[in-house]
């Protein structure tokens, strides 16, 4: 068992969705293994998972899906 760095709650291993924004472009990576805190929801990734995600972002393969997502701006609401 591992504990959360922030609240010291218990973490469990789960598959998550990793979202990264770079210069207005969003990258969504599904089924990323992570440790998620059952108390506060904080997500942590292993060094190996982080290495794999960074490698994928440097040389992305052809995407599995293209998503059309509406974007809103709070200041304009």
C-alpha atoms as a PDB file:
ATOM      1  CA  UNK A   1       0.000   0.000   0.000  1.00  0.00           C
ATOM      2  CA  UNK A   2       1.193   3.490  -0.786  1.00  0.00           C
ATOM      3  CA  UNK A   3       0.024   6.722   0.772  1.00  0.00           C
ATOM      4  CA  UNK A   4      -0.846  10.062  -0.754  1.00  0.00           C
ATOM      5  CA  UNK A   5       1.897  12.678  -0.663  1.00  0.00           C
ATOM      6  CA  UNK A   6      -0.624  15.454   0.136  1.00  0.00           C
ATOM      7  CA  UNK A   7      -3.194  14.050   2.584  1.00  0.00           C
ATOM      8  CA  UNK A   8      -1.550  10.732   3.536  1.00  0.00           C
ATOM      9  CA  UNK A   9      -4.667   8.833   2.505  1.00  0.00           C
ATOM     10  CA  UNK A  10      -4.512   5.379   0.934  1.00  0.00           C
ATOM     11  CA  UNK A  11      -3.819   5.143  -2.801  1.00  0.00           C
ATOM     12  CA  UNK A  12      -5.088   2.437  -5.116  1.00  0.00           C
ATOM     13  CA  UNK A  13      -3.873   1.492  -8.578  1.00  0.00           C
ATOM     14  CA  UNK A  14      -6.315   2.454 -11.341  1.00  0.00           C
ATOM     15  CA  UNK A  15      -6.435   3.194 -15.049  1.00  0.00           C
ATOM     16  CA  UNK A  16      -6.817   6.935 -15.639  1.00  0.00           C
ATOM     17  CA  UNK A  17      -7.025   9.405 -18.502  1.00  0.00           C
ATOM     18  CA  UNK A  18      -4.025  11.729 -18.825  1.00  0.00           C
ATOM     19  CA  UNK A  19      -4.732  15.181 -20.322  1.00  0.00           C
ATOM     20  CA  UNK A  20      -1.937  17.511 -21.419  1.00  0.00           C
ATOM     21  CA  UNK A  21      -2.216  20.971 -22.979  1.00  0.00           C
ATOM     22  CA  UNK A  22       0.605  22.349 -25.110  1.00  0.00           C
ATOM     23  CA  UNK A  23       0.218  25.703 -26.865  1.00  0.00           C
ATOM     24  CA  UNK A  24      -3.568  25.375 -27.109  1.00  0.00           C
ATOM     25  CA  UNK A  25      -3.459  21.791 -28.344  1.00  0.00           C
ATOM     26  CA  UNK A  26      -4.773  19.047 -26.071  1.00  0.00           C
ATOM     27  CA  UNK A  27      -3.408  15.520 -25.859  1.00  0.00           C
ATOM     28  CA  UNK A  28      -5.572  12.833 -24.268  1.00  0.00           C
ATOM     29  CA  UNK A  29      -4.024   9.505 -23.360  1.00  0.00           C
ATOM     30  CA  UNK A  30      -6.435   6.839 -22.135  1.00  0.00           C
ATOM     31  CA  UNK A  31      -5.830   3.835 -19.880  1.00  0.00           C
ATOM     32  CA  UNK A  32      -2.791   5.223 -18.077  1.00  0.00           C
ATOM     33  CA  UNK A  33      -1.906   3.298 -14.884  1.00  0.00           C
ATOM     34  CA  UNK A  34      -1.777   5.552 -11.832  1.00  0.00           C
ATOM     35  CA  UNK A  35      -2.015   5.574  -8.069  1.00  0.00           C
ATOM     36  CA  UNK A  36      -5.150   7.498  -7.059  1.00  0.00           C
ATOM     37  CA  UNK A  37      -5.827   8.651  -3.496  1.00  0.00           C
ATOM     38  CA  UNK A  38      -9.109   7.292  -2.126  1.00  0.00           C
ATOM     39  CA  UNK A  39      -9.374  10.313   0.172  1.00  0.00           C
ATOM     40  CA  UNK A  40      -8.528  13.413  -1.902  1.00  0.00           C
ATOM     41  CA  UNK A  41      -8.339  12.063  -5.482  1.00  0.00           C
ATOM     42  CA  UNK A  42      -4.726  13.128  -6.091  1.00  0.00           C
ATOM     43  CA  UNK A  43      -3.135  11.128  -8.928  1.00  0.00           C
ATOM     44  CA  UNK A  44       0.479   9.953  -9.009  1.00  0.00           C
ATOM     45  CA  UNK A  45       2.304   8.140 -11.799  1.00  0.00           C
ATOM     46  CA  UNK A  46       5.242   5.761 -11.543  1.00  0.00           C
ATOM     47  CA  UNK A  47       8.551   6.746 -13.111  1.00  0.00           C
ATOM     48  CA  UNK A  48       8.059   4.135 -15.834  1.00  0.00           C
ATOM     49  CA  UNK A  49       4.570   5.425 -16.681  1.00  0.00           C
ATOM     50  CA  UNK A  50       5.860   9.007 -16.747  1.00  0.00           C
ATOM     51  CA  UNK A  51       8.704   7.972 -19.066  1.00  0.00           C
ATOM     52  CA  UNK A  52       6.256   6.245 -21.433  1.00  0.00           C
ATOM     53  CA  UNK A  53       3.846   9.220 -21.480  1.00  0.00           C
ATOM     54  CA  UNK A  54       6.669  11.693 -22.192  1.00  0.00           C
ATOM     55  CA  UNK A  55       8.004   9.468 -24.978  1.00  0.00           C
ATOM     56  CA  UNK A  56       4.535   9.273 -26.531  1.00  0.00           C
ATOM     57  CA  UNK A  57       4.151  13.072 -26.376  1.00  0.00           C
ATOM     58  CA  UNK A  58       7.548  13.572 -28.054  1.00  0.00           C
ATOM     59  CA  UNK A  59       6.728  11.257 -30.974  1.00  0.00           C
ATOM     60  CA  UNK A  60       2.981  10.698 -30.992  1.00  0.00           C
ATOM     61  CA  UNK A  61       1.664   7.808 -33.071  1.00  0.00           C
ATOM     62  CA  UNK A  62      -1.439   8.164 -35.197  1.00  0.00           C
ATOM     63  CA  UNK A  63      -4.342   8.831 -32.788  1.00  0.00           C
ATOM     64  CA  UNK A  64      -6.892   6.107 -32.173  1.00  0.00           C
ATOM     65  CA  UNK A  65      -9.759   8.652 -32.039  1.00  0.00           C
ATOM     66  CA  UNK A  66     -10.311  12.280 -32.962  1.00  0.00           C
ATOM     67  CA  UNK A  67     -12.577  13.959 -30.413  1.00  0.00           C
ATOM     68  CA  UNK A  68     -14.650  17.072 -30.982  1.00  0.00           C
ATOM     69  CA  UNK A  69     -14.901  18.787 -27.615  1.00  0.00           C
ATOM     70  CA  UNK A  70     -16.625  22.091 -26.924  1.00  0.00           C
ATOM     71  CA  UNK A  71     -14.426  24.649 -25.158  1.00  0.00           C
ATOM     72  CA  UNK A  72     -15.720  27.419 -22.926  1.00  0.00           C
ATOM     73  CA  UNK A  73     -14.035  30.373 -21.283  1.00  0.00           C
ATOM     74  CA  UNK A  74     -15.131  31.394 -17.816  1.00  0.00           C
ATOM     75  CA  UNK A  75     -14.401  35.095 -18.368  1.00  0.00           C
ATOM     76  CA  UNK A  76     -16.837  35.168 -21.303  1.00  0.00           C
ATOM     77  CA  UNK A  77     -19.687  33.557 -19.342  1.00  0.00           C
END
